[in-house]
């Protein structure tokens, strides 16, 4: 069985909307930010990037498992 801390790898740091919604998720191992967009029963996930096209990292979340 997986360690319960491994199940908490991702943190939801921002949400907006319900039927059509936006959620920003941070990977607590790497600090990389992702955007999840949902529309009814469909959705998509993408890495957020900075102005140089590099993954947007939130360092204060790294190791916060």
PDB file of N, CA and C in Angstrom:
ATOM      1  N   UNK A   1       0.837  -1.178   0.000  1.00  0.00           N
ATOM      2  CA  UNK A   1       0.000   0.000   0.000  1.00  0.00           C
ATOM      3  C   UNK A   1       0.882   1.242   0.000  1.00  0.00           C
ATOM      4  N   UNK A   2       0.446   2.272  -0.690  1.00  0.00           N
ATOM      5  CA  UNK A   2       1.232   3.502  -0.784  1.00  0.00           C
ATOM      6  C   UNK A   2       1.202   4.275   0.525  1.00  0.00           C
ATOM      7  N   UNK A   3       2.297   4.946   0.809  1.00  0.00           N
ATOM      8  CA  UNK A   3       2.387   5.813   1.975  1.00  0.00           C
ATOM      9  C   UNK A   3       1.409   6.980   1.793  1.00  0.00           C
ATOM     10  N   UNK A   4       0.653   7.328   2.828  1.00  0.00           N
ATOM     11  CA  UNK A   4      -0.355   8.381   2.711  1.00  0.00           C
ATOM     12  C   UNK A   4       0.252   9.727   2.324  1.00  0.00           C
ATOM     13  N   UNK A   5       1.520   9.987   2.708  1.00  0.00           N
ATOM     14  CA  UNK A   5       2.157  11.241   2.308  1.00  0.00           C
ATOM     15  C   UNK A   5       2.360  11.319   0.807  1.00  0.00           C
ATOM     16  N   UNK A   6       2.553  10.192   0.153  1.00  0.00           N
ATOM     17  CA  UNK A   6       2.729  10.181  -1.293  1.00  0.00           C
ATOM     18  C   UNK A   6       1.445  10.600  -1.998  1.00  0.00           C
ATOM     19  N   UNK A   7       0.288  10.393  -1.352  1.00  0.00           N
ATOM     20  CA  UNK A   7      -0.986  10.774  -1.941  1.00  0.00           C
ATOM     21  C   UNK A   7      -1.192  12.286  -1.882  1.00  0.00           C
ATOM     22  N   UNK A   8      -0.426  12.965  -1.055  1.00  0.00           N
ATOM     23  CA  UNK A   8      -0.548  14.412  -0.890  1.00  0.00           C
ATOM     24  C   UNK A   8       0.537  15.160  -1.662  1.00  0.00           C
ATOM     25  N   UNK A   9       0.927  14.637  -2.798  1.00  0.00           N
ATOM     26  CA  UNK A   9       2.004  15.252  -3.571  1.00  0.00           C
ATOM     27  C   UNK A   9       1.578  16.586  -4.176  1.00  0.00           C
ATOM     28  N   UNK A  10       0.299  16.753  -4.481  1.00  0.00           N
ATOM     29  CA  UNK A  10      -0.175  17.956  -5.147  1.00  0.00           C
ATOM     30  C   UNK A  10      -1.039  18.795  -4.215  1.00  0.00           C
ATOM     31  N   UNK A  11      -0.925  20.120  -4.346  1.00  0.00           N
ATOM     32  CA  UNK A  11      -1.730  21.046  -3.548  1.00  0.00           C
ATOM     33  C   UNK A  11      -2.515  21.948  -4.485  1.00  0.00           C
ATOM     34  N   UNK A  12      -3.793  22.108  -4.206  1.00  0.00           N
ATOM     35  CA  UNK A  12      -4.630  23.036  -4.959  1.00  0.00           C
ATOM     36  C   UNK A  12      -4.456  24.398  -4.301  1.00  0.00           C
ATOM     37  N   UNK A  13      -3.908  25.371  -5.044  1.00  0.00           N
ATOM     38  CA  UNK A  13      -3.627  26.667  -4.437  1.00  0.00           C
ATOM     39  C   UNK A  13      -4.575  27.760  -4.911  1.00  0.00           C
ATOM     40  N   UNK A  14      -5.357  27.500  -5.968  1.00  0.00           N
ATOM     41  CA  UNK A  14      -6.306  28.501  -6.458  1.00  0.00           C
ATOM     42  C   UNK A  14      -7.402  27.797  -7.230  1.00  0.00           C
ATOM     43  N   UNK A  15      -8.645  28.218  -7.006  1.00  0.00           N
ATOM     44  CA  UNK A  15      -9.781  27.710  -7.777  1.00  0.00           C
ATOM     45  C   UNK A  15     -10.718  28.855  -8.078  1.00  0.00           C
ATOM     46  N   UNK A  16     -11.313  28.786  -9.275  1.00  0.00           N
ATOM     47  CA  UNK A  16     -12.269  29.802  -9.703  1.00  0.00           C
ATOM     48  C   UNK A  16     -13.321  29.129 -10.558  1.00  0.00           C
ATOM     49  N   UNK A  17     -14.589  29.398 -10.312  1.00  0.00           N
ATOM     50  CA  UNK A  17     -15.675  28.863 -11.113  1.00  0.00           C
ATOM     51  C   UNK A  17     -16.126  27.492 -10.646  1.00  0.00           C
ATOM     52  N   UNK A  18     -17.242  27.033 -11.239  1.00  0.00           N
ATOM     53  CA  UNK A  18     -17.793  25.717 -10.893  1.00  0.00           C
ATOM     54  C   UNK A  18     -17.962  24.873 -12.147  1.00  0.00           C
ATOM     55  N   UNK A  19     -18.998  25.145 -12.953  1.00  0.00           N
ATOM     56  CA  UNK A  19     -19.213  24.359 -14.169  1.00  0.00           C
ATOM     57  C   UNK A  19     -18.053  24.557 -15.144  1.00  0.00           C
ATOM     58  N   UNK A  20     -17.648  25.810 -15.341  1.00  0.00           N
ATOM     59  CA  UNK A  20     -16.460  26.137 -16.123  1.00  0.00           C
ATOM     60  C   UNK A  20     -15.465  26.692 -15.118  1.00  0.00           C
ATOM     61  N   UNK A  21     -14.420  25.936 -14.815  1.00  0.00           N
ATOM     62  CA  UNK A  21     -13.539  26.346 -13.734  1.00  0.00           C
ATOM     63  C   UNK A  21     -12.061  26.275 -14.060  1.00  0.00           C
ATOM     64  N   UNK A  22     -11.316  26.994 -13.261  1.00  0.00           N
ATOM     65  CA  UNK A  22      -9.858  27.025 -13.342  1.00  0.00           C
ATOM     66  C   UNK A  22      -9.299  26.625 -11.982  1.00  0.00           C
ATOM     67  N   UNK A  23      -8.287  25.775 -11.982  1.00  0.00           N
ATOM     68  CA  UNK A  23      -7.621  25.364 -10.751  1.00  0.00           C
ATOM     69  C   UNK A  23      -6.120  25.362 -10.986  1.00  0.00           C
ATOM     70  N   UNK A  24      -5.379  26.008 -10.082  1.00  0.00           N
ATOM     71  CA  UNK A  24      -3.919  25.968 -10.143  1.00  0.00           C
ATOM     72  C   UNK A  24      -3.470  24.949  -9.099  1.00  0.00           C
ATOM     73  N   UNK A  25      -2.621  24.024  -9.553  1.00  0.00           N
ATOM     74  CA  UNK A  25      -2.131  22.921  -8.723  1.00  0.00           C
ATOM     75  C   UNK A  25      -0.612  22.997  -8.677  1.00  0.00           C
ATOM     76  N   UNK A  26      -0.035  22.761  -7.494  1.00  0.00           N
ATOM     77  CA  UNK A  26       1.427  22.764  -7.342  1.00  0.00           C
ATOM     78  C   UNK A  26       1.892  21.360  -6.966  1.00  0.00           C
ATOM     79  N   UNK A  27       2.927  20.885  -7.659  1.00  0.00           N
ATOM     80  CA  UNK A  27       3.583  19.626  -7.324  1.00  0.00           C
ATOM     81  C   UNK A  27       4.527  19.918  -6.164  1.00  0.00           C
ATOM     82  N   UNK A  28       4.257  19.345  -4.997  1.00  0.00           N
ATOM     83  CA  UNK A  28       5.046  19.659  -3.800  1.00  0.00           C
ATOM     84  C   UNK A  28       6.443  19.044  -3.821  1.00  0.00           C
ATOM     85  N   UNK A  29       6.729  18.173  -4.765  1.00  0.00           N
ATOM     86  CA  UNK A  29       8.096  17.640  -4.872  1.00  0.00           C
ATOM     87  C   UNK A  29       8.979  18.559  -5.709  1.00  0.00           C
ATOM     88  N   UNK A  30       8.391  19.202  -6.722  1.00  0.00           N
ATOM     89  CA  UNK A  30       9.180  20.021  -7.638  1.00  0.00           C
ATOM     90  C   UNK A  30       8.857  21.500  -7.574  1.00  0.00           C
ATOM     91  N   UNK A  31       7.685  21.861  -7.048  1.00  0.00           N
ATOM     92  CA  UNK A  31       7.249  23.252  -7.016  1.00  0.00           C
ATOM     93  C   UNK A  31       6.632  23.726  -8.322  1.00  0.00           C
ATOM     94  N   UNK A  32       6.556  22.862  -9.333  1.00  0.00           N
ATOM     95  CA  UNK A  32       6.009  23.226 -10.641  1.00  0.00           C
ATOM     96  C   UNK A  32       4.499  23.441 -10.535  1.00  0.00           C
ATOM     97  N   UNK A  33       4.015  24.508 -11.209  1.00  0.00           N
ATOM     98  CA  UNK A  33       2.605  24.871 -11.213  1.00  0.00           C
ATOM     99  C   UNK A  33       1.918  24.364 -12.469  1.00  0.00           C
ATOM    100  N   UNK A  34       0.683  23.882 -12.299  1.00  0.00           N
ATOM    101  CA  UNK A  34      -0.129  23.388 -13.406  1.00  0.00           C
ATOM    102  C   UNK A  34      -1.478  24.083 -13.381  1.00  0.00           C
ATOM    103  N   UNK A  35      -2.082  24.260 -14.551  1.00  0.00           N
ATOM    104  CA  UNK A  35      -3.422  24.808 -14.668  1.00  0.00           C
ATOM    105  C   UNK A  35      -4.344  23.718 -15.168  1.00  0.00           C
ATOM    106  N   UNK A  36      -5.415  23.462 -14.400  1.00  0.00           N
ATOM    107  CA  UNK A  36      -6.454  22.528 -14.822  1.00  0.00           C
ATOM    108  C   UNK A  36      -7.690  23.345 -15.149  1.00  0.00           C
ATOM    109  N   UNK A  37      -8.215  23.177 -16.358  1.00  0.00           N
ATOM    110  CA  UNK A  37      -9.417  23.871 -16.788  1.00  0.00           C
ATOM    111  C   UNK A  37     -10.494  22.826 -17.006  1.00  0.00           C
ATOM    112  N   UNK A  38     -11.661  23.039 -16.384  1.00  0.00           N
ATOM    113  CA  UNK A  38     -12.760  22.094 -16.555  1.00  0.00           C
ATOM    114  C   UNK A  38     -13.955  22.808 -17.159  1.00  0.00           C
ATOM    115  N   UNK A  39     -14.680  22.060 -17.981  1.00  0.00           N
ATOM    116  CA  UNK A  39     -15.890  22.569 -18.617  1.00  0.00           C
ATOM    117  C   UNK A  39     -16.887  21.432 -18.625  1.00  0.00           C
ATOM    118  N   UNK A  40     -17.771  21.397 -17.643  1.00  0.00           N
ATOM    119  CA  UNK A  40     -18.720  20.295 -17.530  1.00  0.00           C
ATOM    120  C   UNK A  40     -17.993  19.022 -17.170  1.00  0.00           C
ATOM    121  N   UNK A  41     -18.118  18.013 -18.036  1.00  0.00           N
ATOM    122  CA  UNK A  41     -17.471  16.722 -17.761  1.00  0.00           C
ATOM    123  C   UNK A  41     -16.177  16.534 -18.546  1.00  0.00           C
ATOM    124  N   UNK A  42     -15.590  17.608 -19.040  1.00  0.00           N
ATOM    125  CA  UNK A  42     -14.311  17.504 -19.738  1.00  0.00           C
ATOM    126  C   UNK A  42     -13.335  18.507 -19.139  1.00  0.00           C
ATOM    127  N   UNK A  43     -12.078  18.359 -19.470  1.00  0.00           N
ATOM    128  CA  UNK A  43     -11.080  19.271 -18.928  1.00  0.00           C
ATOM    129  C   UNK A  43      -9.716  19.047 -19.537  1.00  0.00           C
ATOM    130  N   UNK A  44      -8.785  19.870 -19.133  1.00  0.00           N
ATOM    131  CA  UNK A  44      -7.424  19.759 -19.630  1.00  0.00           C
ATOM    132  C   UNK A  44      -6.434  20.268 -18.605  1.00  0.00           C
ATOM    133  N   UNK A  45      -5.205  19.790 -18.702  1.00  0.00           N
ATOM    134  CA  UNK A  45      -4.144  20.139 -17.765  1.00  0.00           C
ATOM    135  C   UNK A  45      -2.931  20.616 -18.549  1.00  0.00           C
ATOM    136  N   UNK A  46      -2.309  21.694 -18.068  1.00  0.00           N
ATOM    137  CA  UNK A  46      -1.124  22.223 -18.732  1.00  0.00           C
ATOM    138  C   UNK A  46      -0.178  22.784 -17.684  1.00  0.00           C
ATOM    139  N   UNK A  47       1.114  22.683 -17.959  1.00  0.00           N
ATOM    140  CA  UNK A  47       2.102  23.299 -17.085  1.00  0.00           C
ATOM    141  C   UNK A  47       2.045  24.812 -17.317  1.00  0.00           C
ATOM    142  N   UNK A  48       2.160  25.595 -16.252  1.00  0.00           N
ATOM    143  CA  UNK A  48       2.238  27.046 -16.386  1.00  0.00           C
ATOM    144  C   UNK A  48       3.699  27.421 -16.612  1.00  0.00           C
ATOM    145  N   UNK A  49       3.926  28.409 -17.463  1.00  0.00           N
ATOM    146  CA  UNK A  49       5.297  28.818 -17.787  1.00  0.00           C
ATOM    147  C   UNK A  49       5.484  30.297 -17.479  1.00  0.00           C
ATOM    148  N   UNK A  50       6.747  30.674 -17.252  1.00  0.00           N
ATOM    149  CA  UNK A  50       7.066  32.082 -17.029  1.00  0.00           C
ATOM    150  C   UNK A  50       7.271  32.776 -18.374  1.00  0.00           C
ATOM    151  N   UNK A  51       7.691  34.031 -18.351  1.00  0.00           N
ATOM    152  CA  UNK A  51       7.842  34.812 -19.586  1.00  0.00           C
ATOM    153  C   UNK A  51       8.903  34.256 -20.524  1.00  0.00           C
ATOM    154  N   UNK A  52       9.820  33.412 -20.007  1.00  0.00           N
ATOM    155  CA  UNK A  52      10.868  32.816 -20.836  1.00  0.00           C
ATOM    156  C   UNK A  52      10.498  31.420 -21.325  1.00  0.00           C
ATOM    157  N   UNK A  53       9.291  30.959 -20.977  1.00  0.00           N
ATOM    158  CA  UNK A  53       8.843  29.638 -21.412  1.00  0.00           C
ATOM    159  C   UNK A  53       9.296  28.502 -20.510  1.00  0.00           C
ATOM    160  N   UNK A  54       9.878  28.835 -19.359  1.00  0.00           N
ATOM    161  CA  UNK A  54      10.312  27.806 -18.401  1.00  0.00           C
ATOM    162  C   UNK A  54       9.169  27.532 -17.426  1.00  0.00           C
ATOM    163  N   UNK A  55       9.082  26.316 -16.887  1.00  0.00           N
ATOM    164  CA  UNK A  55       8.008  26.001 -15.942  1.00  0.00           C
ATOM    165  C   UNK A  55       7.985  26.972 -14.765  1.00  0.00           C
ATOM    166  N   UNK A  56       6.795  27.423 -14.412  1.00  0.00           N
ATOM    167  CA  UNK A  56       6.616  28.312 -13.276  1.00  0.00           C
ATOM    168  C   UNK A  56       6.745  27.493 -11.999  1.00  0.00           C
ATOM    169  N   UNK A  57       7.674  27.878 -11.138  1.00  0.00           N
ATOM    170  CA  UNK A  57       7.965  27.134  -9.912  1.00  0.00           C
ATOM    171  C   UNK A  57       7.649  28.007  -8.707  1.00  0.00           C
ATOM    172  N   UNK A  58       6.959  27.424  -7.727  1.00  0.00           N
ATOM    173  CA  UNK A  58       6.680  28.085  -6.459  1.00  0.00           C
ATOM    174  C   UNK A  58       7.527  27.384  -5.398  1.00  0.00           C
ATOM    175  N   UNK A  59       8.725  27.905  -5.097  1.00  0.00           N
ATOM    176  CA  UNK A  59       9.671  27.219  -4.210  1.00  0.00           C
ATOM    177  C   UNK A  59       9.137  26.957  -2.800  1.00  0.00           C
ATOM    178  N   UNK A  60       8.259  27.815  -2.279  1.00  0.00           N
ATOM    179  CA  UNK A  60       7.790  27.625  -0.908  1.00  0.00           C
ATOM    180  C   UNK A  60       6.936  26.389  -0.715  1.00  0.00           C
ATOM    181  N   UNK A  61       6.495  25.747  -1.792  1.00  0.00           N
ATOM    182  CA  UNK A  61       5.725  24.505  -1.675  1.00  0.00           C
ATOM    183  C   UNK A  61       6.604  23.252  -1.716  1.00  0.00           C
ATOM    184  N   UNK A  62       7.852  23.375  -2.100  1.00  0.00           N
ATOM    185  CA  UNK A  62       8.734  22.223  -2.213  1.00  0.00           C
ATOM    186  C   UNK A  62       8.980  21.621  -0.822  1.00  0.00           C
ATOM    187  N   UNK A  63       8.727  20.341  -0.687  1.00  0.00           N
ATOM    188  CA  UNK A  63       8.935  19.638   0.577  1.00  0.00           C
ATOM    189  C   UNK A  63       7.831  19.827   1.594  1.00  0.00           C
ATOM    190  N   UNK A  64       6.678  20.345   1.194  1.00  0.00           N
ATOM    191  CA  UNK A  64       5.567  20.574   2.133  1.00  0.00           C
ATOM    192  C   UNK A  64       4.579  19.413   2.140  1.00  0.00           C
ATOM    193  N   UNK A  65       5.080  18.200   1.932  1.00  0.00           N
ATOM    194  CA  UNK A  65       4.217  17.013   1.885  1.00  0.00           C
ATOM    195  C   UNK A  65       3.663  16.690   3.244  1.00  0.00           C
TER     196      UNK A  65
END
